[in-house]
Amino acid sequence: MAQAGKGKLNYRCPSCFMRDLDIDMFYDADKKEYYCIRCEYTGTEEDVLKFNEIVRIRYTAMSKRYTKFDFD
């Protein structure tokens, strides 16, 4: 998605990302936190990065090609 001046960087909402939705977060400079307009998630930059890394676990084998299936 294109960066639209929402904050320092373009972060995905961890709560929406868990449900396979690609929603960008907005940055509130007064509170110094990110928020999602879809699911009411709010958090600091550290929280957003930490939860997004947890969600990325499901995509660790995305680029690995499996050619042998040994179910015996």
C-alpha atoms as a PDB file:
ATOM      1  CA  MET A   1       0.000   0.000   0.000  1.00  0.00           C
ATOM      2  CA  ALA A   2       1.172   3.508  -0.641  1.00  0.00           C
ATOM      3  CA  GLN A   3       2.292   5.704   2.203  1.00  0.00           C
ATOM      4  CA  ALA A   4      -0.204   8.508   2.668  1.00  0.00           C
ATOM      5  CA  GLY A   5       1.402  10.669   5.330  1.00  0.00           C
ATOM      6  CA  LYS A   6      -0.035   8.686   8.229  1.00  0.00           C
ATOM      7  CA  GLY A   7       3.079   8.652  10.342  1.00  0.00           C
ATOM      8  CA  LYS A   8       6.791   8.086  10.365  1.00  0.00           C
ATOM      9  CA  LEU A   9       6.463   4.692   8.678  1.00  0.00           C
ATOM     10  CA  ASN A  10       3.706   2.620   7.208  1.00  0.00           C
ATOM     11  CA  TYR A  11       2.697   0.062   9.876  1.00  0.00           C
ATOM     12  CA  ARG A  12       0.008  -2.584   9.645  1.00  0.00           C
ATOM     13  CA  CYS A  13      -2.505  -2.979  12.419  1.00  0.00           C
ATOM     14  CA  PRO A  14      -1.546  -6.188  14.287  1.00  0.00           C
ATOM     15  CA  SER A  15      -5.132  -7.008  15.199  1.00  0.00           C
ATOM     16  CA  CYS A  16      -6.363  -6.706  11.617  1.00  0.00           C
ATOM     17  CA  PHE A  17      -3.218  -8.404  10.283  1.00  0.00           C
ATOM     18  CA  MET A  18      -4.048 -11.499  12.383  1.00  0.00           C
ATOM     19  CA  ARG A  19      -7.288 -11.711  10.407  1.00  0.00           C
ATOM     20  CA  ASP A  20      -5.468 -11.303   7.059  1.00  0.00           C
ATOM     21  CA  LEU A  21      -6.562  -7.695   6.585  1.00  0.00           C
ATOM     22  CA  ASP A  22      -3.988  -5.209   5.363  1.00  0.00           C
ATOM     23  CA  ILE A  23      -4.977  -2.049   7.222  1.00  0.00           C
ATOM     24  CA  ASP A  24      -2.551   0.840   7.717  1.00  0.00           C
ATOM     25  CA  MET A  25      -2.358   2.580  11.062  1.00  0.00           C
ATOM     26  CA  PHE A  26      -2.572   6.307  11.681  1.00  0.00           C
ATOM     27  CA  TYR A  27      -0.196   8.166  13.993  1.00  0.00           C
ATOM     28  CA  ASP A  28      -1.390  10.531  16.719  1.00  0.00           C
ATOM     29  CA  ALA A  29       1.482  12.926  17.436  1.00  0.00           C
ATOM     30  CA  ASP A  30      -0.145  14.333  20.586  1.00  0.00           C
ATOM     31  CA  LYS A  31      -0.431  10.922  22.278  1.00  0.00           C
ATOM     32  CA  LYS A  32       2.620   9.492  20.455  1.00  0.00           C
ATOM     33  CA  GLU A  33       0.800   6.308  19.539  1.00  0.00           C
ATOM     34  CA  TYR A  34      -0.586   4.530  16.498  1.00  0.00           C
ATOM     35  CA  TYR A  35      -4.255   3.700  16.078  1.00  0.00           C
ATOM     36  CA  CYS A  36      -6.408   1.719  13.679  1.00  0.00           C
ATOM     37  CA  ILE A  37      -9.621   3.218  12.326  1.00  0.00           C
ATOM     38  CA  ARG A  38     -11.132  -0.198  11.662  1.00  0.00           C
ATOM     39  CA  CYS A  39     -10.739  -2.137  14.917  1.00  0.00           C
ATOM     40  CA  GLU A  40      -9.898   0.435  17.632  1.00  0.00           C
ATOM     41  CA  TYR A  41      -6.403  -0.943  18.274  1.00  0.00           C
ATOM     42  CA  THR A  42      -3.983   1.596  19.779  1.00  0.00           C
ATOM     43  CA  GLY A  43      -0.364   1.159  20.763  1.00  0.00           C
ATOM     44  CA  THR A  44       3.104   2.577  20.783  1.00  0.00           C
ATOM     45  CA  GLU A  45       5.558   1.941  17.980  1.00  0.00           C
ATOM     46  CA  GLU A  46       7.278  -0.756  20.062  1.00  0.00           C
ATOM     47  CA  ASP A  47       3.963  -2.554  20.678  1.00  0.00           C
ATOM     48  CA  VAL A  48       3.025  -2.470  17.005  1.00  0.00           C
ATOM     49  CA  LEU A  49       6.403  -3.846  15.919  1.00  0.00           C
ATOM     50  CA  LYS A  50       6.347  -6.565  18.590  1.00  0.00           C
ATOM     51  CA  PHE A  51       2.855  -7.811  17.701  1.00  0.00           C
ATOM     52  CA  ASN A  52       3.549  -7.666  13.950  1.00  0.00           C
ATOM     53  CA  GLU A  53       6.590  -9.918  14.451  1.00  0.00           C
ATOM     54  CA  ILE A  54       4.386 -12.408  16.307  1.00  0.00           C
ATOM     55  CA  VAL A  55       1.924 -12.437  13.420  1.00  0.00           C
ATOM     56  CA  ARG A  56       4.694 -12.940  10.844  1.00  0.00           C
ATOM     57  CA  ILE A  57       5.415 -16.396  12.300  1.00  0.00           C
ATOM     58  CA  ARG A  58       2.689 -17.834  10.090  1.00  0.00           C
ATOM     59  CA  TYR A  59       4.542 -16.630   6.997  1.00  0.00           C
ATOM     60  CA  THR A  60       8.000 -18.055   7.816  1.00  0.00           C
ATOM     61  CA  ALA A  61       7.756 -20.921   5.303  1.00  0.00           C
ATOM     62  CA  MET A  62       6.073 -18.849   2.604  1.00  0.00           C
ATOM     63  CA  SER A  63       9.061 -18.841   0.269  1.00  0.00           C
ATOM     64  CA  LYS A  64      10.110 -22.434   0.989  1.00  0.00           C
ATOM     65  CA  ARG A  65       9.137 -24.949  -1.670  1.00  0.00           C
ATOM     66  CA  TYR A  66       8.022 -28.377  -0.492  1.00  0.00           C
ATOM     67  CA  THR A  67       8.538 -31.087  -3.083  1.00  0.00           C
ATOM     68  CA  LYS A  68       8.390 -34.247  -0.955  1.00  0.00           C
ATOM     69  CA  PHE A  69       5.508 -35.100   1.300  1.00  0.00           C
ATOM     70  CA  ASP A  70       6.417 -37.980   3.594  1.00  0.00           C
ATOM     71  CA  PHE A  71       3.400 -38.771   5.728  1.00  0.00           C
ATOM     72  CA  ASP A  72       4.325 -42.363   6.568  1.00  0.00           C
END
